[in-house]
Amino acid sequence: MIAHQTGQRDIAGQSTQIVLQTYADRIFILVTQLGKVGSLIQASLPPTTPASVESPDETGGGSTLPQPSPAIQLTPLLGSSPSDHLQTLHSLYASQIATVVWVNASQNVLDGSRKSVIVGLALRKAENSGTGYELSEGERATFQGVMAMLQEMLEGKLA
């Protein structure tokens, strides 16, 4: 896995930066459109959870993203979301980002560990935010763009 990498691109009309930093015991990923850390959430899997994480090719579904394990434990470390909708959205980001990282690590024979993933999120509020568990089109586009950018970074395709 890459020790340190940054990437930036426009996603849904917003300049978005992802910073990836690996440490001995965890991985830090910052996703920001505001130039700051925002809220921090730690994603981890209990040691009793099986080590295999299915990649999207193995699931047979139409999605290009691996499905997060229901056993993922999310722990807020810093900051809080101003609404239930944003809390749900941040949890979705943290669990999906961690799953993408774990799937990438499991494909790398040298680094098959499941380190905890700390996700920092500082995203601009979408003009037409969804309500409850529903995502607006802008939130959906931003989510898909962030996940695609992260996958490219982890695969070494984004300089």
N, C-alpha and C. Protein backbone atom coordinates (compact mmCIF):
# COMPACT_ATOMS: atom_id res chain seq x y z
N MET A 1 0.85 -1.18 0.00
CA MET A 1 0.00 0.00 0.00
C MET A 1 0.89 1.24 0.00
N ILE A 2 0.38 2.29 -0.58
CA ILE A 2 1.09 3.55 -0.71
C ILE A 2 1.24 4.19 0.67
N ALA A 3 2.44 4.71 1.00
CA ALA A 3 2.67 5.32 2.31
C ALA A 3 2.01 6.69 2.42
N HIS A 4 2.10 7.51 1.37
CA HIS A 4 1.48 8.83 1.39
C HIS A 4 1.15 9.24 -0.04
N GLN A 5 -0.05 9.75 -0.23
CA GLN A 5 -0.44 10.21 -1.55
C GLN A 5 -1.55 11.24 -1.41
N THR A 6 -1.55 12.20 -2.30
CA THR A 6 -2.64 13.17 -2.36
C THR A 6 -3.14 13.23 -3.79
N GLY A 7 -4.41 13.55 -3.92
CA GLY A 7 -5.01 13.72 -5.23
C GLY A 7 -6.07 14.79 -5.17
N GLN A 8 -6.30 15.45 -6.29
CA GLN A 8 -7.31 16.50 -6.33
C GLN A 8 -7.97 16.49 -7.69
N ARG A 9 -9.29 16.68 -7.70
CA ARG A 9 -10.05 16.83 -8.94
C ARG A 9 -11.40 17.46 -8.63
N ASP A 10 -12.04 17.94 -9.67
CA ASP A 10 -13.40 18.48 -9.53
C ASP A 10 -14.37 17.31 -9.54
N ILE A 11 -15.20 17.25 -8.51
CA ILE A 11 -16.24 16.24 -8.42
C ILE A 11 -17.55 16.97 -8.20
N ALA A 12 -18.48 16.78 -9.10
CA ALA A 12 -19.80 17.43 -9.04
C ALA A 12 -19.65 18.94 -8.88
N GLY A 13 -18.67 19.52 -9.59
CA GLY A 13 -18.48 20.96 -9.57
C GLY A 13 -17.73 21.51 -8.38
N GLN A 14 -17.20 20.65 -7.51
CA GLN A 14 -16.46 21.10 -6.33
C GLN A 14 -15.04 20.54 -6.38
N SER A 15 -14.06 21.39 -6.08
CA SER A 15 -12.69 20.93 -5.97
C SER A 15 -12.60 20.01 -4.74
N THR A 16 -12.19 18.78 -4.96
CA THR A 16 -12.16 17.77 -3.90
C THR A 16 -10.76 17.21 -3.79
N GLN A 17 -10.25 17.14 -2.58
CA GLN A 17 -8.91 16.62 -2.33
C GLN A 17 -9.00 15.39 -1.44
N ILE A 18 -8.22 14.37 -1.77
CA ILE A 18 -8.11 13.17 -0.94
C ILE A 18 -6.64 13.03 -0.54
N VAL A 19 -6.42 12.86 0.75
CA VAL A 19 -5.08 12.62 1.28
C VAL A 19 -5.09 11.24 1.91
N LEU A 20 -4.12 10.42 1.54
CA LEU A 20 -4.01 9.06 2.07
C LEU A 20 -2.66 8.94 2.77
N GLN A 21 -2.68 8.53 4.02
CA GLN A 21 -1.45 8.38 4.81
C GLN A 21 -1.53 7.07 5.58
N THR A 22 -0.52 6.20 5.39
CA THR A 22 -0.51 4.94 6.14
C THR A 22 0.44 5.06 7.32
N TYR A 23 0.06 4.41 8.39
CA TYR A 23 0.86 4.32 9.61
C TYR A 23 1.00 2.85 9.96
N ALA A 24 1.80 2.55 10.96
CA ALA A 24 2.05 1.16 11.33
C ALA A 24 0.77 0.43 11.74
N ASP A 25 -0.13 1.14 12.41
CA ASP A 25 -1.32 0.45 12.95
C ASP A 25 -2.64 0.92 12.36
N ARG A 26 -2.64 1.93 11.48
CA ARG A 26 -3.90 2.41 10.88
C ARG A 26 -3.63 3.18 9.61
N ILE A 27 -4.69 3.49 8.94
CA ILE A 27 -4.61 4.24 7.68
C ILE A 27 -5.50 5.47 7.85
N PHE A 28 -4.99 6.63 7.45
CA PHE A 28 -5.75 7.88 7.53
C PHE A 28 -6.10 8.33 6.13
N ILE A 29 -7.37 8.61 5.92
CA ILE A 29 -7.83 9.13 4.63
C ILE A 29 -8.67 10.37 4.88
N LEU A 30 -8.26 11.47 4.29
CA LEU A 30 -8.97 12.74 4.41
C LEU A 30 -9.64 13.05 3.08
N VAL A 31 -10.93 13.32 3.12
CA VAL A 31 -11.68 13.75 1.95
C VAL A 31 -12.21 15.14 2.27
N THR A 32 -11.72 16.15 1.53
CA THR A 32 -12.11 17.51 1.86
C THR A 32 -12.43 18.34 0.63
N GLN A 33 -13.46 19.14 0.76
CA GLN A 33 -13.78 20.15 -0.22
C GLN A 33 -13.64 21.53 0.40
N LEU A 34 -13.28 21.55 1.68
CA LEU A 34 -13.20 22.79 2.44
C LEU A 34 -11.78 23.14 2.88
N GLY A 35 -10.81 22.28 2.59
CA GLY A 35 -9.43 22.55 2.98
C GLY A 35 -9.16 22.32 4.45
N LYS A 36 -10.00 21.54 5.13
CA LYS A 36 -9.78 21.22 6.54
C LYS A 36 -10.17 19.79 6.81
N VAL A 37 -9.90 19.33 8.04
CA VAL A 37 -10.13 17.93 8.38
C VAL A 37 -11.61 17.61 8.55
N GLY A 38 -12.38 18.46 9.17
CA GLY A 38 -13.79 18.16 9.41
C GLY A 38 -13.96 17.15 10.52
N SER A 39 -14.89 16.24 10.37
CA SER A 39 -15.12 15.23 11.40
C SER A 39 -14.27 13.99 11.11
N LEU A 40 -13.85 13.31 12.17
CA LEU A 40 -13.04 12.09 12.05
C LEU A 40 -13.86 10.90 12.55
N ILE A 41 -13.85 9.84 11.76
CA ILE A 41 -14.55 8.61 12.11
C ILE A 41 -13.58 7.46 11.90
N GLN A 42 -13.49 6.57 12.89
CA GLN A 42 -12.64 5.38 12.76
C GLN A 42 -13.51 4.19 12.38
N ALA A 43 -13.09 3.47 11.35
CA ALA A 43 -13.77 2.25 10.92
C ALA A 43 -12.86 1.07 11.20
N SER A 44 -13.40 0.06 11.86
CA SER A 44 -12.61 -1.13 12.16
C SER A 44 -13.50 -2.36 12.08
N LEU A 45 -12.85 -3.50 11.91
CA LEU A 45 -13.55 -4.78 11.92
C LEU A 45 -13.12 -5.56 13.15
N PRO A 46 -14.04 -6.18 13.86
CA PRO A 46 -13.65 -6.99 15.02
C PRO A 46 -12.75 -8.15 14.58
N PRO A 47 -11.84 -8.58 15.46
CA PRO A 47 -10.93 -9.67 15.10
C PRO A 47 -11.66 -10.98 14.78
N THR A 48 -12.89 -11.13 15.28
CA THR A 48 -13.64 -12.37 15.03
C THR A 48 -14.32 -12.39 13.67
N THR A 49 -14.29 -11.27 12.94
CA THR A 49 -14.88 -11.20 11.60
C THR A 49 -13.95 -11.87 10.61
N PRO A 50 -14.49 -12.71 9.72
CA PRO A 50 -13.62 -13.36 8.72
C PRO A 50 -12.83 -12.33 7.92
N ALA A 51 -11.60 -12.71 7.57
CA ALA A 51 -10.69 -11.79 6.90
C ALA A 51 -11.06 -11.51 5.46
N SER A 52 -11.85 -12.38 4.85
CA SER A 52 -12.14 -12.17 3.43
C SER A 52 -13.19 -11.09 3.25
N VAL A 53 -12.87 -10.17 2.36
CA VAL A 53 -13.81 -9.12 1.96
C VAL A 53 -14.03 -9.32 0.48
N GLU A 54 -15.29 -9.43 0.07
CA GLU A 54 -15.58 -9.69 -1.34
C GLU A 54 -15.34 -8.44 -2.17
N SER A 55 -14.63 -8.62 -3.26
CA SER A 55 -14.49 -7.51 -4.20
C SER A 55 -15.74 -7.50 -5.08
N PRO A 56 -16.04 -6.41 -5.76
CA PRO A 56 -17.27 -6.34 -6.54
C PRO A 56 -17.35 -7.39 -7.64
N ASP A 57 -16.21 -7.85 -8.16
CA ASP A 57 -16.22 -8.87 -9.21
C ASP A 57 -16.75 -10.20 -8.68
N GLU A 58 -16.55 -10.47 -7.39
CA GLU A 58 -16.97 -11.73 -6.80
C GLU A 58 -18.44 -11.74 -6.41
N THR A 59 -19.05 -10.57 -6.24
CA THR A 59 -20.42 -10.51 -5.77
C THR A 59 -21.42 -10.72 -6.89
N GLY A 60 -21.02 -10.43 -8.12
CA GLY A 60 -21.93 -10.61 -9.24
C GLY A 60 -22.94 -9.49 -9.38
N GLY A 61 -22.87 -8.47 -8.53
CA GLY A 61 -23.80 -7.35 -8.61
C GLY A 61 -23.36 -6.36 -9.67
N GLY A 62 -24.20 -5.36 -9.90
CA GLY A 62 -23.88 -4.38 -10.92
C GLY A 62 -23.01 -3.25 -10.41
N SER A 63 -22.77 -3.17 -9.11
CA SER A 63 -22.00 -2.07 -8.54
C SER A 63 -20.51 -2.29 -8.71
N THR A 64 -19.78 -1.19 -8.85
CA THR A 64 -18.33 -1.30 -8.95
C THR A 64 -17.68 -1.18 -7.58
N LEU A 65 -18.49 -0.99 -6.53
CA LEU A 65 -17.96 -0.85 -5.18
C LEU A 65 -18.21 -2.13 -4.38
N PRO A 66 -17.22 -2.53 -3.57
CA PRO A 66 -17.45 -3.69 -2.71
C PRO A 66 -18.46 -3.36 -1.62
N GLN A 67 -19.21 -4.36 -1.20
CA GLN A 67 -20.22 -4.14 -0.17
C GLN A 67 -19.58 -4.16 1.21
N PRO A 68 -19.82 -3.12 2.02
CA PRO A 68 -19.26 -3.09 3.38
C PRO A 68 -19.83 -4.22 4.24
N SER A 69 -19.01 -4.72 5.13
CA SER A 69 -19.44 -5.76 6.07
C SER A 69 -20.39 -5.16 7.09
N PRO A 70 -21.43 -5.90 7.48
CA PRO A 70 -22.31 -5.39 8.53
C PRO A 70 -21.61 -5.34 9.90
N ALA A 71 -20.43 -5.97 9.99
CA ALA A 71 -19.71 -5.99 11.27
C ALA A 71 -18.79 -4.78 11.46
N ILE A 72 -18.74 -3.88 10.48
CA ILE A 72 -17.87 -2.70 10.61
C ILE A 72 -18.31 -1.89 11.83
N GLN A 73 -17.33 -1.52 12.63
CA GLN A 73 -17.59 -0.68 13.80
C GLN A 73 -17.12 0.73 13.48
N LEU A 74 -18.04 1.69 13.56
CA LEU A 74 -17.72 3.08 13.32
C LEU A 74 -17.67 3.82 14.65
N THR A 75 -16.55 4.51 14.90
CA THR A 75 -16.37 5.25 16.14
C THR A 75 -16.07 6.71 15.80
N PRO A 76 -16.97 7.63 16.18
CA PRO A 76 -16.67 9.05 15.96
C PRO A 76 -15.51 9.47 16.86
N LEU A 77 -14.52 10.13 16.29
CA LEU A 77 -13.35 10.55 17.06
C LEU A 77 -13.32 12.06 17.30
N LEU A 78 -13.78 12.82 16.32
CA LEU A 78 -13.72 14.27 16.43
C LEU A 78 -14.84 14.88 15.59
N GLY A 79 -15.54 15.83 16.17
CA GLY A 79 -16.61 16.51 15.45
C GLY A 79 -17.88 15.69 15.41
N SER A 80 -18.92 16.33 14.98
CA SER A 80 -20.20 15.64 14.84
C SER A 80 -20.95 16.25 13.67
N SER A 81 -21.88 15.50 13.17
CA SER A 81 -22.69 15.95 12.04
C SER A 81 -23.83 16.81 12.56
N PRO A 82 -24.17 17.88 11.84
CA PRO A 82 -25.22 18.78 12.31
C PRO A 82 -26.63 18.22 12.18
N SER A 83 -26.80 17.12 11.43
CA SER A 83 -28.14 16.55 11.27
C SER A 83 -28.04 15.03 11.18
N ASP A 84 -29.17 14.37 11.37
CA ASP A 84 -29.20 12.91 11.24
C ASP A 84 -28.86 12.49 9.81
N HIS A 85 -29.32 13.26 8.84
CA HIS A 85 -29.03 12.93 7.45
C HIS A 85 -27.52 12.95 7.19
N LEU A 86 -26.84 14.00 7.64
CA LEU A 86 -25.39 14.08 7.43
C LEU A 86 -24.64 13.02 8.24
N GLN A 87 -25.15 12.67 9.40
CA GLN A 87 -24.52 11.60 10.18
C GLN A 87 -24.60 10.28 9.42
N THR A 88 -25.76 10.01 8.83
CA THR A 88 -25.92 8.80 8.02
C THR A 88 -24.99 8.85 6.80
N LEU A 89 -24.91 10.00 6.16
CA LEU A 89 -24.05 10.16 4.99
C LEU A 89 -22.58 9.96 5.37
N HIS A 90 -22.14 10.53 6.48
CA HIS A 90 -20.75 10.37 6.93
C HIS A 90 -20.46 8.91 7.29
N SER A 91 -21.42 8.22 7.89
CA SER A 91 -21.23 6.80 8.20
C SER A 91 -21.10 5.98 6.92
N LEU A 92 -21.89 6.34 5.91
CA LEU A 92 -21.81 5.67 4.61
C LEU A 92 -20.43 5.86 3.99
N TYR A 93 -19.95 7.11 4.00
CA TYR A 93 -18.60 7.39 3.48
C TYR A 93 -17.55 6.58 4.24
N ALA A 94 -17.58 6.62 5.56
CA ALA A 94 -16.55 5.95 6.36
C ALA A 94 -16.54 4.45 6.11
N SER A 95 -17.71 3.82 6.11
CA SER A 95 -17.75 2.37 5.92
C SER A 95 -17.34 1.97 4.50
N GLN A 96 -17.74 2.76 3.50
CA GLN A 96 -17.38 2.42 2.13
C GLN A 96 -15.90 2.67 1.86
N ILE A 97 -15.37 3.77 2.35
CA ILE A 97 -13.94 4.07 2.18
C ILE A 97 -13.11 2.97 2.84
N ALA A 98 -13.45 2.57 4.05
CA ALA A 98 -12.71 1.51 4.74
C ALA A 98 -12.78 0.21 3.95
N THR A 99 -13.94 -0.12 3.42
CA THR A 99 -14.10 -1.36 2.65
C THR A 99 -13.25 -1.33 1.39
N VAL A 100 -13.23 -0.20 0.70
CA VAL A 100 -12.40 -0.07 -0.51
C VAL A 100 -10.92 -0.27 -0.14
N VAL A 101 -10.50 0.31 0.97
CA VAL A 101 -9.10 0.17 1.42
C VAL A 101 -8.81 -1.29 1.76
N TRP A 102 -9.70 -1.95 2.49
CA TRP A 102 -9.47 -3.35 2.89
C TRP A 102 -9.45 -4.28 1.69
N VAL A 103 -10.33 -4.06 0.71
CA VAL A 103 -10.33 -4.89 -0.50
C VAL A 103 -9.02 -4.70 -1.24
N ASN A 104 -8.56 -3.45 -1.36
CA ASN A 104 -7.29 -3.18 -2.03
C ASN A 104 -6.14 -3.85 -1.29
N ALA A 105 -6.13 -3.79 0.04
CA ALA A 105 -5.06 -4.40 0.84
C ALA A 105 -5.09 -5.92 0.72
N SER A 106 -6.28 -6.51 0.64
CA SER A 106 -6.37 -7.97 0.55
C SER A 106 -5.86 -8.48 -0.80
N GLN A 107 -5.88 -7.63 -1.81
CA GLN A 107 -5.36 -8.01 -3.13
C GLN A 107 -3.85 -7.84 -3.20
N ASN A 108 -3.26 -7.17 -2.21
CA ASN A 108 -1.83 -6.97 -2.15
C ASN A 108 -1.25 -8.00 -1.19
N VAL A 109 -0.55 -8.99 -1.72
CA VAL A 109 -0.04 -10.09 -0.90
C VAL A 109 0.86 -9.60 0.23
N LEU A 110 1.58 -8.52 0.02
CA LEU A 110 2.52 -8.04 1.03
C LEU A 110 1.83 -7.32 2.19
N ASP A 111 0.61 -6.83 1.96
CA ASP A 111 -0.05 -6.05 3.00
C ASP A 111 -1.52 -6.47 3.10
N GLY A 112 -1.78 -7.67 3.57
CA GLY A 112 -3.13 -8.18 3.66
C GLY A 112 -3.79 -7.88 4.99
N SER A 113 -3.24 -6.96 5.77
CA SER A 113 -3.79 -6.67 7.09
C SER A 113 -5.04 -5.82 6.99
N ARG A 114 -5.82 -5.85 8.06
CA ARG A 114 -7.02 -5.01 8.13
C ARG A 114 -6.81 -3.96 9.20
N LYS A 115 -6.00 -3.01 8.90
CA LYS A 115 -5.75 -1.91 9.82
C LYS A 115 -7.02 -1.08 9.96
N SER A 116 -7.18 -0.46 11.11
CA SER A 116 -8.28 0.48 11.26
C SER A 116 -8.09 1.62 10.27
N VAL A 117 -9.19 2.14 9.77
CA VAL A 117 -9.14 3.25 8.82
C VAL A 117 -9.79 4.46 9.49
N ILE A 118 -9.04 5.56 9.55
CA ILE A 118 -9.57 6.80 10.09
C ILE A 118 -9.93 7.68 8.91
N VAL A 119 -11.18 8.10 8.85
CA VAL A 119 -11.68 8.90 7.73
C VAL A 119 -12.00 10.30 8.23
N GLY A 120 -11.39 11.29 7.58
CA GLY A 120 -11.72 12.69 7.85
C GLY A 120 -12.60 13.19 6.72
N LEU A 121 -13.74 13.79 7.07
CA LEU A 121 -14.69 14.26 6.06
C LEU A 121 -15.01 15.74 6.26
N ALA A 122 -14.77 16.53 5.23
CA ALA A 122 -15.14 17.94 5.24
C ALA A 122 -15.69 18.26 3.86
N LEU A 123 -16.98 17.99 3.68
CA LEU A 123 -17.63 18.16 2.39
C LEU A 123 -18.59 19.33 2.42
N ARG A 124 -18.68 20.03 1.29
CA ARG A 124 -19.66 21.12 1.18
C ARG A 124 -21.06 20.53 1.19
N LYS A 125 -21.97 21.25 1.80
CA LYS A 125 -23.35 20.81 1.83
C LYS A 125 -23.93 20.94 0.43
N ALA A 126 -24.58 19.89 -0.02
CA ALA A 126 -25.20 19.90 -1.33
C ALA A 126 -26.37 20.89 -1.33
N GLU A 127 -26.58 21.54 -2.48
CA GLU A 127 -27.68 22.52 -2.58
C GLU A 127 -29.03 21.89 -2.27
N ASN A 128 -29.28 20.74 -2.82
CA ASN A 128 -30.53 20.03 -2.57
C ASN A 128 -30.21 18.75 -1.81
N SER A 129 -29.97 18.88 -0.50
CA SER A 129 -29.63 17.72 0.31
C SER A 129 -30.81 16.77 0.38
N GLY A 130 -30.47 15.50 0.47
CA GLY A 130 -31.52 14.50 0.66
C GLY A 130 -32.07 14.60 2.07
N THR A 131 -33.11 13.83 2.31
CA THR A 131 -33.70 13.80 3.65
C THR A 131 -33.72 12.37 4.14
N GLY A 132 -33.61 12.22 5.45
CA GLY A 132 -33.62 10.87 6.02
C GLY A 132 -32.47 10.06 5.45
N TYR A 133 -32.83 8.90 4.86
CA TYR A 133 -31.81 8.02 4.30
C TYR A 133 -31.64 8.20 2.80
N GLU A 134 -32.42 9.09 2.21
CA GLU A 134 -32.35 9.32 0.77
C GLU A 134 -31.22 10.30 0.43
N LEU A 135 -30.48 9.99 -0.63
CA LEU A 135 -29.43 10.89 -1.10
C LEU A 135 -29.95 11.71 -2.27
N SER A 136 -29.55 12.98 -2.30
CA SER A 136 -29.88 13.80 -3.46
C SER A 136 -28.96 13.40 -4.61
N GLU A 137 -29.29 13.85 -5.82
CA GLU A 137 -28.44 13.53 -6.97
C GLU A 137 -27.03 14.09 -6.80
N GLY A 138 -26.92 15.30 -6.22
CA GLY A 138 -25.60 15.89 -5.98
C GLY A 138 -24.79 15.08 -4.98
N GLU A 139 -25.43 14.61 -3.91
CA GLU A 139 -24.73 13.79 -2.90
C GLU A 139 -24.31 12.46 -3.51
N ARG A 140 -25.17 11.89 -4.33
CA ARG A 140 -24.86 10.61 -4.99
C ARG A 140 -23.67 10.78 -5.95
N ALA A 141 -23.67 11.87 -6.73
CA ALA A 141 -22.57 12.12 -7.68
C ALA A 141 -21.25 12.34 -6.94
N THR A 142 -21.31 13.09 -5.84
CA THR A 142 -20.10 13.33 -5.05
C THR A 142 -19.58 12.02 -4.46
N PHE A 143 -20.48 11.21 -3.91
CA PHE A 143 -20.09 9.92 -3.33
C PHE A 143 -19.41 9.04 -4.38
N GLN A 144 -20.05 8.88 -5.53
CA GLN A 144 -19.48 8.04 -6.59
C GLN A 144 -18.13 8.59 -7.07
N GLY A 145 -18.03 9.91 -7.20
CA GLY A 145 -16.77 10.53 -7.64
C GLY A 145 -15.65 10.32 -6.64
N VAL A 146 -15.96 10.47 -5.35
CA VAL A 146 -14.95 10.27 -4.31
C VAL A 146 -14.48 8.81 -4.31
N MET A 147 -15.40 7.86 -4.41
CA MET A 147 -15.02 6.44 -4.39
C MET A 147 -14.18 6.08 -5.62
N ALA A 148 -14.54 6.62 -6.78
CA ALA A 148 -13.75 6.35 -7.99
C ALA A 148 -12.34 6.92 -7.85
N MET A 149 -12.25 8.13 -7.31
CA MET A 149 -10.94 8.77 -7.13
C MET A 149 -10.09 7.98 -6.14
N LEU A 150 -10.69 7.54 -5.04
CA LEU A 150 -9.96 6.74 -4.04
C LEU A 150 -9.46 5.44 -4.65
N GLN A 151 -10.31 4.75 -5.41
CA GLN A 151 -9.90 3.50 -6.03
C GLN A 151 -8.73 3.73 -6.99
N GLU A 152 -8.77 4.81 -7.75
CA GLU A 152 -7.67 5.13 -8.66
C GLU A 152 -6.38 5.40 -7.88
N MET A 153 -6.49 6.10 -6.76
CA MET A 153 -5.31 6.38 -5.93
C MET A 153 -4.71 5.08 -5.41
N LEU A 154 -5.55 4.19 -4.89
CA LEU A 154 -5.06 2.95 -4.31
C LEU A 154 -4.45 2.02 -5.36
N GLU A 155 -4.94 2.11 -6.58
CA GLU A 155 -4.41 1.28 -7.67
C GLU A 155 -3.23 1.95 -8.36
N GLY A 156 -2.86 3.15 -7.92
CA GLY A 156 -1.71 3.85 -8.50
C GLY A 156 -2.00 4.48 -9.84
N LYS A 157 -3.27 4.67 -10.19
CA LYS A 157 -3.64 5.24 -11.49
C LYS A 157 -3.78 6.75 -11.44
N LEU A 158 -3.79 7.34 -10.25
CA LEU A 158 -3.94 8.79 -10.12
C LEU A 158 -2.62 9.36 -9.65
N ALA A 159 -2.04 10.23 -10.44
CA ALA A 159 -0.74 10.82 -10.08
C ALA A 159 -0.93 12.02 -9.20
